[in-house]
Amino acid sequence: MKRYIIQRDLPNVGKANAEQLRATTDASNAALDQLAPKVQWVESYLMDDQSYCVYLAENEEVIREHGRLSGIPVGEIAEVKRIINPIKG
């Protein structure tokens, strides 16, 4: 599977409370269950009005289908070509 970064425009997501975030993750997980094993959610980074989500997926189309099923908007999708960090260099 390929690794992707998905940018989502989500107004006030950085200020969402635990209940609001739980509703979003529940919707995401339900969609993931329907699409398994074609897509996996790794983690998300929340900013004020955006999130950046890391997914493993067969292709971009399955990520867009996840967005449709979950009701969570999908903005730009970028495939990760390489990963570097202080340990791997």
C-alpha atoms as a PDB file:
ATOM      1  CA  MET A   1       0.000   0.000   0.000  1.00  0.00           C
ATOM      2  CA  LYS A   2       1.057   3.573  -0.598  1.00  0.00           C
ATOM      3  CA  ARG A   3       1.278   6.294   2.052  1.00  0.00           C
ATOM      4  CA  TYR A   4      -0.721   9.491   1.529  1.00  0.00           C
ATOM      5  CA  ILE A   5      -1.164  12.834   3.256  1.00  0.00           C
ATOM      6  CA  ILE A   6      -4.715  14.195   3.008  1.00  0.00           C
ATOM      7  CA  GLN A   7      -5.431  17.865   3.653  1.00  0.00           C
ATOM      8  CA  ARG A   8      -8.967  18.518   4.848  1.00  0.00           C
ATOM      9  CA  ASP A   9     -10.653  21.894   5.375  1.00  0.00           C
ATOM     10  CA  LEU A  10     -12.592  21.535   8.642  1.00  0.00           C
ATOM     11  CA  PRO A  11     -13.579  24.866  10.213  1.00  0.00           C
ATOM     12  CA  ASN A  12     -12.757  25.030  13.942  1.00  0.00           C
ATOM     13  CA  VAL A  13     -11.514  21.430  14.076  1.00  0.00           C
ATOM     14  CA  GLY A  14      -8.666  22.553  16.329  1.00  0.00           C
ATOM     15  CA  LYS A  15     -11.225  23.678  18.902  1.00  0.00           C
ATOM     16  CA  ALA A  16     -13.461  20.611  18.681  1.00  0.00           C
ATOM     17  CA  ASN A  17     -14.279  18.922  21.966  1.00  0.00           C
ATOM     18  CA  ALA A  18     -13.813  15.225  22.673  1.00  0.00           C
ATOM     19  CA  GLU A  19     -17.429  14.376  21.817  1.00  0.00           C
ATOM     20  CA  GLN A  20     -17.206  16.109  18.435  1.00  0.00           C
ATOM     21  CA  LEU A  21     -13.918  14.394  17.640  1.00  0.00           C
ATOM     22  CA  ARG A  22     -15.360  11.023  18.705  1.00  0.00           C
ATOM     23  CA  ALA A  23     -18.277  11.467  16.266  1.00  0.00           C
ATOM     24  CA  THR A  24     -15.817  12.161  13.455  1.00  0.00           C
ATOM     25  CA  THR A  25     -13.569   9.222  14.307  1.00  0.00           C
ATOM     26  CA  ASP A  26     -16.599   6.920  14.610  1.00  0.00           C
ATOM     27  CA  ALA A  27     -17.761   7.949  11.124  1.00  0.00           C
ATOM     28  CA  SER A  28     -14.242   7.457   9.775  1.00  0.00           C
ATOM     29  CA  ASN A  29     -13.865   4.041  11.392  1.00  0.00           C
ATOM     30  CA  ALA A  30     -17.242   2.880  10.054  1.00  0.00           C
ATOM     31  CA  ALA A  31     -16.157   3.831   6.526  1.00  0.00           C
ATOM     32  CA  LEU A  32     -12.784   2.150   7.030  1.00  0.00           C
ATOM     33  CA  ASP A  33     -14.558  -1.055   8.065  1.00  0.00           C
ATOM     34  CA  GLN A  34     -16.500  -1.002   4.796  1.00  0.00           C
ATOM     35  CA  LEU A  35     -13.379  -0.428   2.708  1.00  0.00           C
ATOM     36  CA  ALA A  36     -10.946  -2.732   4.529  1.00  0.00           C
ATOM     37  CA  PRO A  37      -8.302  -3.791   3.676  1.00  0.00           C
ATOM     38  CA  LYS A  38      -7.927  -1.191   0.899  1.00  0.00           C
ATOM     39  CA  VAL A  39      -7.313   1.765   3.251  1.00  0.00           C
ATOM     40  CA  GLN A  40      -5.991   2.367   6.764  1.00  0.00           C
ATOM     41  CA  TRP A  41      -5.949   5.537   8.855  1.00  0.00           C
ATOM     42  CA  VAL A  42      -2.574   6.042  10.543  1.00  0.00           C
ATOM     43  CA  GLU A  43      -2.948   9.403  12.328  1.00  0.00           C
ATOM     44  CA  SER A  44      -4.135  12.978  11.937  1.00  0.00           C
ATOM     45  CA  TYR A  45      -2.736  16.377  12.852  1.00  0.00           C
ATOM     46  CA  LEU A  46      -5.325  19.021  13.748  1.00  0.00           C
ATOM     47  CA  MET A  47      -4.791  22.729  13.127  1.00  0.00           C
ATOM     48  CA  ASP A  48      -7.297  25.536  13.678  1.00  0.00           C
ATOM     49  CA  ASP A  49      -9.314  24.986  10.489  1.00  0.00           C
ATOM     50  CA  GLN A  50      -7.599  22.050   8.809  1.00  0.00           C
ATOM     51  CA  SER A  51      -6.421  18.548   9.421  1.00  0.00           C
ATOM     52  CA  TYR A  52      -3.602  16.642   7.785  1.00  0.00           C
ATOM     53  CA  CYS A  53      -4.231  12.916   7.836  1.00  0.00           C
ATOM     54  CA  VAL A  54      -1.811  10.096   7.137  1.00  0.00           C
ATOM     55  CA  TYR A  55      -3.370   7.108   5.381  1.00  0.00           C
ATOM     56  CA  LEU A  56      -2.136   3.886   3.845  1.00  0.00           C
ATOM     57  CA  ALA A  57      -4.196   3.062   0.777  1.00  0.00           C
ATOM     58  CA  GLU A  58      -4.196   1.216  -2.508  1.00  0.00           C
ATOM     59  CA  ASN A  59      -4.855   4.455  -4.408  1.00  0.00           C
ATOM     60  CA  GLU A  60      -6.347   7.950  -4.194  1.00  0.00           C
ATOM     61  CA  GLU A  61      -9.773   6.760  -5.306  1.00  0.00           C
ATOM     62  CA  VAL A  62     -10.282   4.647  -2.178  1.00  0.00           C
ATOM     63  CA  ILE A  63      -9.390   7.682  -0.029  1.00  0.00           C
ATOM     64  CA  ARG A  64     -12.026   9.734  -1.834  1.00  0.00           C
ATOM     65  CA  GLU A  65     -14.538   6.910  -1.321  1.00  0.00           C
ATOM     66  CA  HIS A  66     -13.700   6.933   2.396  1.00  0.00           C
ATOM     67  CA  GLY A  67     -14.459  10.650   2.463  1.00  0.00           C
ATOM     68  CA  ARG A  68     -17.776  10.099   0.699  1.00  0.00           C
ATOM     69  CA  LEU A  69     -18.835   7.274   3.034  1.00  0.00           C
ATOM     70  CA  SER A  70     -17.741   9.064   6.211  1.00  0.00           C
ATOM     71  CA  GLY A  71     -19.005  12.507   5.253  1.00  0.00           C
ATOM     72  CA  ILE A  72     -15.560  13.958   5.988  1.00  0.00           C
ATOM     73  CA  PRO A  73     -14.378  16.278   3.193  1.00  0.00           C
ATOM     74  CA  VAL A  74     -11.255  15.381   1.262  1.00  0.00           C
ATOM     75  CA  GLY A  75      -9.100  18.203  -0.054  1.00  0.00           C
ATOM     76  CA  GLU A  76      -5.686  17.728  -1.579  1.00  0.00           C
ATOM     77  CA  ILE A  77      -4.164  14.248  -1.574  1.00  0.00           C
ATOM     78  CA  ALA A  78      -0.400  13.823  -1.904  1.00  0.00           C
ATOM     79  CA  GLU A  79       1.426  10.517  -2.175  1.00  0.00           C
ATOM     80  CA  VAL A  80       4.459  10.272   0.094  1.00  0.00           C
ATOM     81  CA  LYS A  81       7.484   9.348  -1.991  1.00  0.00           C
ATOM     82  CA  ARG A  82      10.092   9.048   0.767  1.00  0.00           C
ATOM     83  CA  ILE A  83      10.304   9.371   4.533  1.00  0.00           C
ATOM     84  CA  ILE A  84      13.301  10.768   6.341  1.00  0.00           C
ATOM     85  CA  ASN A  85      13.842  11.526  10.008  1.00  0.00           C
ATOM     86  CA  PRO A  86      16.781  12.201  12.321  1.00  0.00           C
ATOM     87  CA  ILE A  87      17.334   8.479  12.886  1.00  0.00           C
ATOM     88  CA  LYS A  88      16.959   7.180   9.319  1.00  0.00           C
ATOM     89  CA  GLY A  89      18.594  10.188   7.652  1.00  0.00           C
END
